[in-house]
Amino acid sequence: IRVSQYAVKAMNDSGINAWRNDGAITVVFPRPKESVIKKWKLAVQDNIAHVICMPHVTNEIIDNLIKDIRE
């Protein structure tokens, strides 16, 4: 849950409109470009994507994802 909280804050601070439900580990954000979807193997539907902050997902991974989305 801490990583999902971090992801929402870090994404929003970076200009990416991210959100999650209270207590959830799934972070939803606008669909990025196809190269990011393929690199990160993101689940997408229509104009949204999401990342599930499982135990192996770290703040560093979130930071790298944000970097790729912003490029």
PDB file of N, CA and C in Angstrom:
ATOM      1  N   ILE A   1       0.835  -1.187   0.000  1.00  0.00           N
ATOM      2  CA  ILE A   1       0.000   0.000   0.000  1.00  0.00           C
ATOM      3  C   ILE A   1       0.880   1.251   0.000  1.00  0.00           C
ATOM      4  N   ARG A   2       1.999   1.192   0.711  1.00  0.00           N
ATOM      5  CA  ARG A   2       2.886   2.369   0.736  1.00  0.00           C
ATOM      6  C   ARG A   2       3.394   2.718  -0.657  1.00  0.00           C
ATOM      7  N   VAL A   3       3.735   1.714  -1.437  1.00  0.00           N
ATOM      8  CA  VAL A   3       4.234   1.985  -2.787  1.00  0.00           C
ATOM      9  C   VAL A   3       3.118   2.552  -3.663  1.00  0.00           C
ATOM     10  N   SER A   4       1.909   2.064  -3.515  1.00  0.00           N
ATOM     11  CA  SER A   4       0.808   2.619  -4.313  1.00  0.00           C
ATOM     12  C   SER A   4       0.528   4.064  -3.904  1.00  0.00           C
ATOM     13  N   GLN A   5       0.639   4.374  -2.628  1.00  0.00           N
ATOM     14  CA  GLN A   5       0.494   5.765  -2.175  1.00  0.00           C
ATOM     15  C   GLN A   5       1.603   6.626  -2.781  1.00  0.00           C
ATOM     16  N   TYR A   6       2.820   6.104  -2.743  1.00  0.00           N
ATOM     17  CA  TYR A   6       3.954   6.817  -3.325  1.00  0.00           C
ATOM     18  C   TYR A   6       3.721   7.045  -4.817  1.00  0.00           C
ATOM     19  N   ALA A   7       3.265   6.010  -5.520  1.00  0.00           N
ATOM     20  CA  ALA A   7       3.066   6.102  -6.968  1.00  0.00           C
ATOM     21  C   ALA A   7       2.059   7.196  -7.319  1.00  0.00           C
ATOM     22  N   VAL A   8       0.951   7.247  -6.611  1.00  0.00           N
ATOM     23  CA  VAL A   8      -0.058   8.272  -6.887  1.00  0.00           C
ATOM     24  C   VAL A   8       0.527   9.663  -6.662  1.00  0.00           C
ATOM     25  N   LYS A   9       1.202   9.857  -5.552  1.00  0.00           N
ATOM     26  CA  LYS A   9       1.772  11.175  -5.253  1.00  0.00           C
ATOM     27  C   LYS A   9       2.845  11.542  -6.267  1.00  0.00           C
ATOM     28  N   ALA A  10       3.752  10.617  -6.554  1.00  0.00           N
ATOM     29  CA  ALA A  10       4.846  10.900  -7.485  1.00  0.00           C
ATOM     30  C   ALA A  10       4.318  11.174  -8.894  1.00  0.00           C
ATOM     31  N   MET A  11       3.337  10.398  -9.326  1.00  0.00           N
ATOM     32  CA  MET A  11       2.766  10.631 -10.652  1.00  0.00           C
ATOM     33  C   MET A  11       2.066  11.983 -10.710  1.00  0.00           C
ATOM     34  N   ASN A  12       1.235  12.273  -9.725  1.00  0.00           N
ATOM     35  CA  ASN A  12       0.536  13.560  -9.714  1.00  0.00           C
ATOM     36  C   ASN A  12       1.514  14.720  -9.627  1.00  0.00           C
ATOM     37  N   ASP A  13       2.569  14.577  -8.831  1.00  0.00           N
ATOM     38  CA  ASP A  13       3.596  15.621  -8.745  1.00  0.00           C
ATOM     39  C   ASP A  13       4.311  15.815 -10.079  1.00  0.00           C
ATOM     40  N   SER A  14       4.309  14.780 -10.919  1.00  0.00           N
ATOM     41  CA  SER A  14       4.954  14.838 -12.236  1.00  0.00           C
ATOM     42  C   SER A  14       3.986  15.227 -13.344  1.00  0.00           C
ATOM     43  N   GLY A  15       2.759  15.544 -12.983  1.00  0.00           N
ATOM     44  CA  GLY A  15       1.778  15.951 -13.985  1.00  0.00           C
ATOM     45  C   GLY A  15       0.997  14.820 -14.613  1.00  0.00           C
ATOM     46  N   ILE A  16       1.095  13.632 -14.024  1.00  0.00           N
ATOM     47  CA  ILE A  16       0.346  12.465 -14.514  1.00  0.00           C
ATOM     48  C   ILE A  16      -0.850  12.281 -13.584  1.00  0.00           C
ATOM     49  N   ASN A  17      -2.046  12.354 -14.118  1.00  0.00           N
ATOM     50  CA  ASN A  17      -3.262  12.307 -13.312  1.00  0.00           C
ATOM     51  C   ASN A  17      -3.545  10.875 -12.855  1.00  0.00           C
ATOM     52  N   ALA A  18      -2.959  10.483 -11.732  1.00  0.00           N
ATOM     53  CA  ALA A  18      -3.092   9.123 -11.210  1.00  0.00           C
ATOM     54  C   ALA A  18      -4.007   9.101  -9.991  1.00  0.00           C
ATOM     55  N   TRP A  19      -4.639   7.948  -9.781  1.00  0.00           N
ATOM     56  CA  TRP A  19      -5.499   7.777  -8.604  1.00  0.00           C
ATOM     57  C   TRP A  19      -5.569   6.304  -8.229  1.00  0.00           C
ATOM     58  N   ARG A  20      -6.060   6.066  -7.036  1.00  0.00           N
ATOM     59  CA  ARG A  20      -6.311   4.705  -6.563  1.00  0.00           C
ATOM     60  C   ARG A  20      -7.439   4.783  -5.546  1.00  0.00           C
ATOM     61  N   ASN A  21      -8.106   3.674  -5.345  1.00  0.00           N
ATOM     62  CA  ASN A  21      -9.115   3.600  -4.292  1.00  0.00           C
ATOM     63  C   ASN A  21      -8.417   3.456  -2.946  1.00  0.00           C
ATOM     64  N   ASP A  22      -9.079   3.899  -1.890  1.00  0.00           N
ATOM     65  CA  ASP A  22      -8.507   3.775  -0.545  1.00  0.00           C
ATOM     66  C   ASP A  22      -8.142   2.328  -0.244  1.00  0.00           C
ATOM     67  N   GLY A  23      -6.921   2.114   0.221  1.00  0.00           N
ATOM     68  CA  GLY A  23      -6.469   0.785   0.600  1.00  0.00           C
ATOM     69  C   GLY A  23      -6.086  -0.112  -0.562  1.00  0.00           C
ATOM     70  N   ALA A  24      -6.137   0.414  -1.787  1.00  0.00           N
ATOM     71  CA  ALA A  24      -5.852  -0.413  -2.966  1.00  0.00           C
ATOM     72  C   ALA A  24      -4.372  -0.350  -3.340  1.00  0.00           C
ATOM     73  N   ILE A  25      -3.911  -1.406  -4.009  1.00  0.00           N
ATOM     74  CA  ILE A  25      -2.540  -1.435  -4.507  1.00  0.00           C
ATOM     75  C   ILE A  25      -2.496  -1.183  -6.016  1.00  0.00           C
ATOM     76  N   THR A  26      -3.649  -0.964  -6.635  1.00  0.00           N
ATOM     77  CA  THR A  26      -3.732  -0.689  -8.058  1.00  0.00           C
ATOM     78  C   THR A  26      -3.797   0.819  -8.282  1.00  0.00           C
ATOM     79  N   VAL A  27      -2.893   1.319  -9.114  1.00  0.00           N
ATOM     80  CA  VAL A  27      -2.832   2.743  -9.439  1.00  0.00           C
ATOM     81  C   VAL A  27      -3.241   2.911 -10.903  1.00  0.00           C
ATOM     82  N   VAL A  28      -4.215   3.770 -11.130  1.00  0.00           N
ATOM     83  CA  VAL A  28      -4.768   4.016 -12.458  1.00  0.00           C
ATOM     84  C   VAL A  28      -4.267   5.363 -12.957  1.00  0.00           C
ATOM     85  N   PHE A  29      -3.936   5.431 -14.249  1.00  0.00           N
ATOM     86  CA  PHE A  29      -3.420   6.667 -14.836  1.00  0.00           C
ATOM     87  C   PHE A  29      -3.724   6.670 -16.332  1.00  0.00           C
ATOM     88  N   PRO A  30      -3.616   7.844 -16.981  1.00  0.00           N
ATOM     89  CA  PRO A  30      -3.912   7.910 -18.411  1.00  0.00           C
ATOM     90  C   PRO A  30      -2.995   7.003 -19.229  1.00  0.00           C
ATOM     91  N   ARG A  31      -3.562   6.447 -20.280  1.00  0.00           N
ATOM     92  CA  ARG A  31      -2.823   5.532 -21.145  1.00  0.00           C
ATOM     93  C   ARG A  31      -1.602   6.237 -21.744  1.00  0.00           C
ATOM     94  N   PRO A  32      -0.415   5.674 -21.527  1.00  0.00           N
ATOM     95  CA  PRO A  32       0.791   6.271 -22.125  1.00  0.00           C
ATOM     96  C   PRO A  32       0.968   5.798 -23.571  1.00  0.00           C
ATOM     97  N   LYS A  33       2.041   6.257 -24.200  1.00  0.00           N
ATOM     98  CA  LYS A  33       2.287   5.843 -25.583  1.00  0.00           C
ATOM     99  C   LYS A  33       2.614   4.346 -25.646  1.00  0.00           C
ATOM    100  N   GLU A  34       2.453   3.793 -26.835  1.00  0.00           N
ATOM    101  CA  GLU A  34       2.585   2.340 -27.028  1.00  0.00           C
ATOM    102  C   GLU A  34       3.947   1.803 -26.618  1.00  0.00           C
ATOM    103  N   SER A  35       5.007   2.559 -26.846  1.00  0.00           N
ATOM    104  CA  SER A  35       6.344   2.060 -26.485  1.00  0.00           C
ATOM    105  C   SER A  35       6.458   1.846 -24.974  1.00  0.00           C
ATOM    106  N   VAL A  36       5.820   2.699 -24.181  1.00  0.00           N
ATOM    107  CA  VAL A  36       5.832   2.551 -22.721  1.00  0.00           C
ATOM    108  C   VAL A  36       4.984   1.349 -22.322  1.00  0.00           C
ATOM    109  N   ILE A  37       3.839   1.199 -22.963  1.00  0.00           N
ATOM    110  CA  ILE A  37       2.959   0.053 -22.676  1.00  0.00           C
ATOM    111  C   ILE A  37       3.705  -1.254 -22.919  1.00  0.00           C
ATOM    112  N   LYS A  38       4.401  -1.332 -24.044  1.00  0.00           N
ATOM    113  CA  LYS A  38       5.123  -2.562 -24.378  1.00  0.00           C
ATOM    114  C   LYS A  38       6.310  -2.796 -23.440  1.00  0.00           C
ATOM    115  N   LYS A  39       7.078  -1.744 -23.174  1.00  0.00           N
ATOM    116  CA  LYS A  39       8.256  -1.893 -22.312  1.00  0.00           C
ATOM    117  C   LYS A  39       7.863  -2.378 -20.920  1.00  0.00           C
ATOM    118  N   TRP A  40       6.823  -1.797 -20.353  1.00  0.00           N
ATOM    119  CA  TRP A  40       6.418  -2.098 -18.987  1.00  0.00           C
ATOM    120  C   TRP A  40       5.332  -3.161 -18.910  1.00  0.00           C
ATOM    121  N   LYS A  41       4.863  -3.636 -20.079  1.00  0.00           N
ATOM    122  CA  LYS A  41       3.805  -4.654 -20.145  1.00  0.00           C
ATOM    123  C   LYS A  41       2.586  -4.229 -19.313  1.00  0.00           C
ATOM    124  N   LEU A  42       2.171  -2.977 -19.545  1.00  0.00           N
ATOM    125  CA  LEU A  42       1.057  -2.411 -18.801  1.00  0.00           C
ATOM    126  C   LEU A  42      -0.278  -2.941 -19.305  1.00  0.00           C
ATOM    127  N   ALA A  43      -1.184  -3.132 -18.387  1.00  0.00           N
ATOM    128  CA  ALA A  43      -2.555  -3.457 -18.744  1.00  0.00           C
ATOM    129  C   ALA A  43      -3.258  -2.151 -19.089  1.00  0.00           C
ATOM    130  N   VAL A  44      -3.902  -2.116 -20.250  1.00  0.00           N
ATOM    131  CA  VAL A  44      -4.587  -0.907 -20.686  1.00  0.00           C
ATOM    132  C   VAL A  44      -5.992  -1.259 -21.169  1.00  0.00           C
ATOM    133  N   GLN A  45      -6.865  -0.282 -21.063  1.00  0.00           N
ATOM    134  CA  GLN A  45      -8.196  -0.399 -21.637  1.00  0.00           C
ATOM    135  C   GLN A  45      -8.647   0.999 -22.004  1.00  0.00           C
ATOM    136  N   ASP A  46      -9.006   1.150 -23.273  1.00  0.00           N
ATOM    137  CA  ASP A  46      -9.406   2.458 -23.785  1.00  0.00           C
ATOM    138  C   ASP A  46      -8.325   3.489 -23.465  1.00  0.00           C
ATOM    139  N   ASN A  47      -8.652   4.505 -22.668  1.00  0.00           N
ATOM    140  CA  ASN A  47      -7.691   5.583 -22.432  1.00  0.00           C
ATOM    141  C   ASN A  47      -7.032   5.531 -21.050  1.00  0.00           C
ATOM    142  N   ILE A  48      -7.095   4.378 -20.373  1.00  0.00           N
ATOM    143  CA  ILE A  48      -6.451   4.260 -19.063  1.00  0.00           C
ATOM    144  C   ILE A  48      -5.501   3.064 -19.017  1.00  0.00           C
ATOM    145  N   ALA A  49      -4.574   3.152 -18.083  1.00  0.00           N
ATOM    146  CA  ALA A  49      -3.642   2.056 -17.799  1.00  0.00           C
ATOM    147  C   ALA A  49      -3.583   1.903 -16.287  1.00  0.00           C
ATOM    148  N   HIS A  50      -3.018   0.794 -15.850  1.00  0.00           N
ATOM    149  CA  HIS A  50      -2.838   0.652 -14.408  1.00  0.00           C
ATOM    150  C   HIS A  50      -1.593  -0.177 -14.108  1.00  0.00           C
ATOM    151  N   VAL A  51      -1.093   0.055 -12.912  1.00  0.00           N
ATOM    152  CA  VAL A  51       0.017  -0.726 -12.392  1.00  0.00           C
ATOM    153  C   VAL A  51      -0.418  -1.256 -11.028  1.00  0.00           C
ATOM    154  N   ILE A  52      -0.112  -2.515 -10.779  1.00  0.00           N
ATOM    155  CA  ILE A  52      -0.440  -3.132  -9.496  1.00  0.00           C
ATOM    156  C   ILE A  52       0.849  -3.184  -8.679  1.00  0.00           C
ATOM    157  N   CYS A  53       0.842  -2.554  -7.542  1.00  0.00           N
ATOM    158  CA  CYS A  53       2.043  -2.429  -6.706  1.00  0.00           C
ATOM    159  C   CYS A  53       2.209  -3.652  -5.813  1.00  0.00           C
ATOM    160  N   MET A  54       2.633  -4.738  -6.443  1.00  0.00           N
ATOM    161  CA  MET A  54       2.916  -5.981  -5.731  1.00  0.00           C
ATOM    162  C   MET A  54       4.216  -5.804  -4.932  1.00  0.00           C
ATOM    163  N   PRO A  55       4.550  -6.771  -4.070  1.00  0.00           N
ATOM    164  CA  PRO A  55       5.735  -6.607  -3.209  1.00  0.00           C
ATOM    165  C   PRO A  55       7.054  -6.342  -3.942  1.00  0.00           C
ATOM    166  N   HIS A  56       7.200  -6.821  -5.168  1.00  0.00           N
ATOM    167  CA  HIS A  56       8.456  -6.594  -5.896  1.00  0.00           C
ATOM    168  C   HIS A  56       8.547  -5.192  -6.504  1.00  0.00           C
ATOM    169  N   VAL A  57       7.455  -4.439  -6.514  1.00  0.00           N
ATOM    170  CA  VAL A  57       7.453  -3.086  -7.088  1.00  0.00           C
ATOM    171  C   VAL A  57       7.967  -2.108  -6.034  1.00  0.00           C
ATOM    172  N   THR A  58       9.026  -1.403  -6.395  1.00  0.00           N
ATOM    173  CA  THR A  58       9.663  -0.459  -5.471  1.00  0.00           C
ATOM    174  C   THR A  58       9.414   0.980  -5.921  1.00  0.00           C
ATOM    175  N   ASN A  59       9.746   1.921  -5.049  1.00  0.00           N
ATOM    176  CA  ASN A  59       9.661   3.330  -5.424  1.00  0.00           C
ATOM    177  C   ASN A  59      10.553   3.629  -6.621  1.00  0.00           C
ATOM    178  N   GLU A  60      11.703   2.991  -6.688  1.00  0.00           N
ATOM    179  CA  GLU A  60      12.620   3.188  -7.818  1.00  0.00           C
ATOM    180  C   GLU A  60      11.978   2.737  -9.127  1.00  0.00           C
ATOM    181  N   ILE A  61      11.281   1.621  -9.102  1.00  0.00           N
ATOM    182  CA  ILE A  61      10.578   1.147 -10.303  1.00  0.00           C
ATOM    183  C   ILE A  61       9.519   2.166 -10.717  1.00  0.00           C
ATOM    184  N   ILE A  62       8.771   2.671  -9.760  1.00  0.00           N
ATOM    185  CA  ILE A  62       7.758   3.691 -10.059  1.00  0.00           C
ATOM    186  C   ILE A  62       8.420   4.921 -10.667  1.00  0.00           C
ATOM    187  N   ASP A  63       9.544   5.357 -10.101  1.00  0.00           N
ATOM    188  CA  ASP A  63      10.259   6.516 -10.639  1.00  0.00           C
ATOM    189  C   ASP A  63      10.691   6.286 -12.085  1.00  0.00           C
ATOM    190  N   ASN A  64      11.166   5.079 -12.387  1.00  0.00           N
ATOM    191  CA  ASN A  64      11.584   4.759 -13.756  1.00  0.00           C
ATOM    192  C   ASN A  64      10.393   4.729 -14.707  1.00  0.00           C
ATOM    193  N   LEU A  65       9.264   4.207 -14.244  1.00  0.00           N
ATOM    194  CA  LEU A  65       8.049   4.214 -15.059  1.00  0.00           C
ATOM    195  C   LEU A  65       7.636   5.653 -15.362  1.00  0.00           C
ATOM    196  N   ILE A  66       7.631   6.495 -14.339  1.00  0.00           N
ATOM    197  CA  ILE A  66       7.257   7.907 -14.534  1.00  0.00           C
ATOM    198  C   ILE A  66       8.195   8.571 -15.545  1.00  0.00           C
ATOM    199  N   LYS A  67       9.473   8.303 -15.431  1.00  0.00           N
ATOM    200  CA  LYS A  67      10.446   8.870 -16.364  1.00  0.00           C
ATOM    201  C   LYS A  67      10.111   8.486 -17.793  1.00  0.00           C
ATOM    202  N   ASP A  68       9.801   7.217 -18.008  1.00  0.00           N
ATOM    203  CA  ASP A  68       9.459   6.747 -19.362  1.00  0.00           C
ATOM    204  C   ASP A  68       8.146   7.373 -19.850  1.00  0.00           C
ATOM    205  N   ILE A  69       7.173   7.508 -18.977  1.00  0.00           N
ATOM    206  CA  ILE A  69       5.895   8.113 -19.378  1.00  0.00           C
ATOM    207  C   ILE A  69       6.122   9.568 -19.789  1.00  0.00           C
ATOM    208  N   ARG A  70       6.955  10.276 -19.071  1.00  0.00           N
ATOM    209  CA  ARG A  70       7.173  11.708 -19.328  1.00  0.00           C
ATOM    210  C   ARG A  70       8.026  11.976 -20.559  1.00  0.00           C
ATOM    211  N   GLU A  71       8.808  10.993 -20.998  1.00  0.00           N
ATOM    212  CA  GLU A  71       9.691  11.213 -22.160  1.00  0.00           C
ATOM    213  C   GLU A  71       8.911  11.215 -23.453  1.00  0.00           C
TER     214      GLU A  71
END
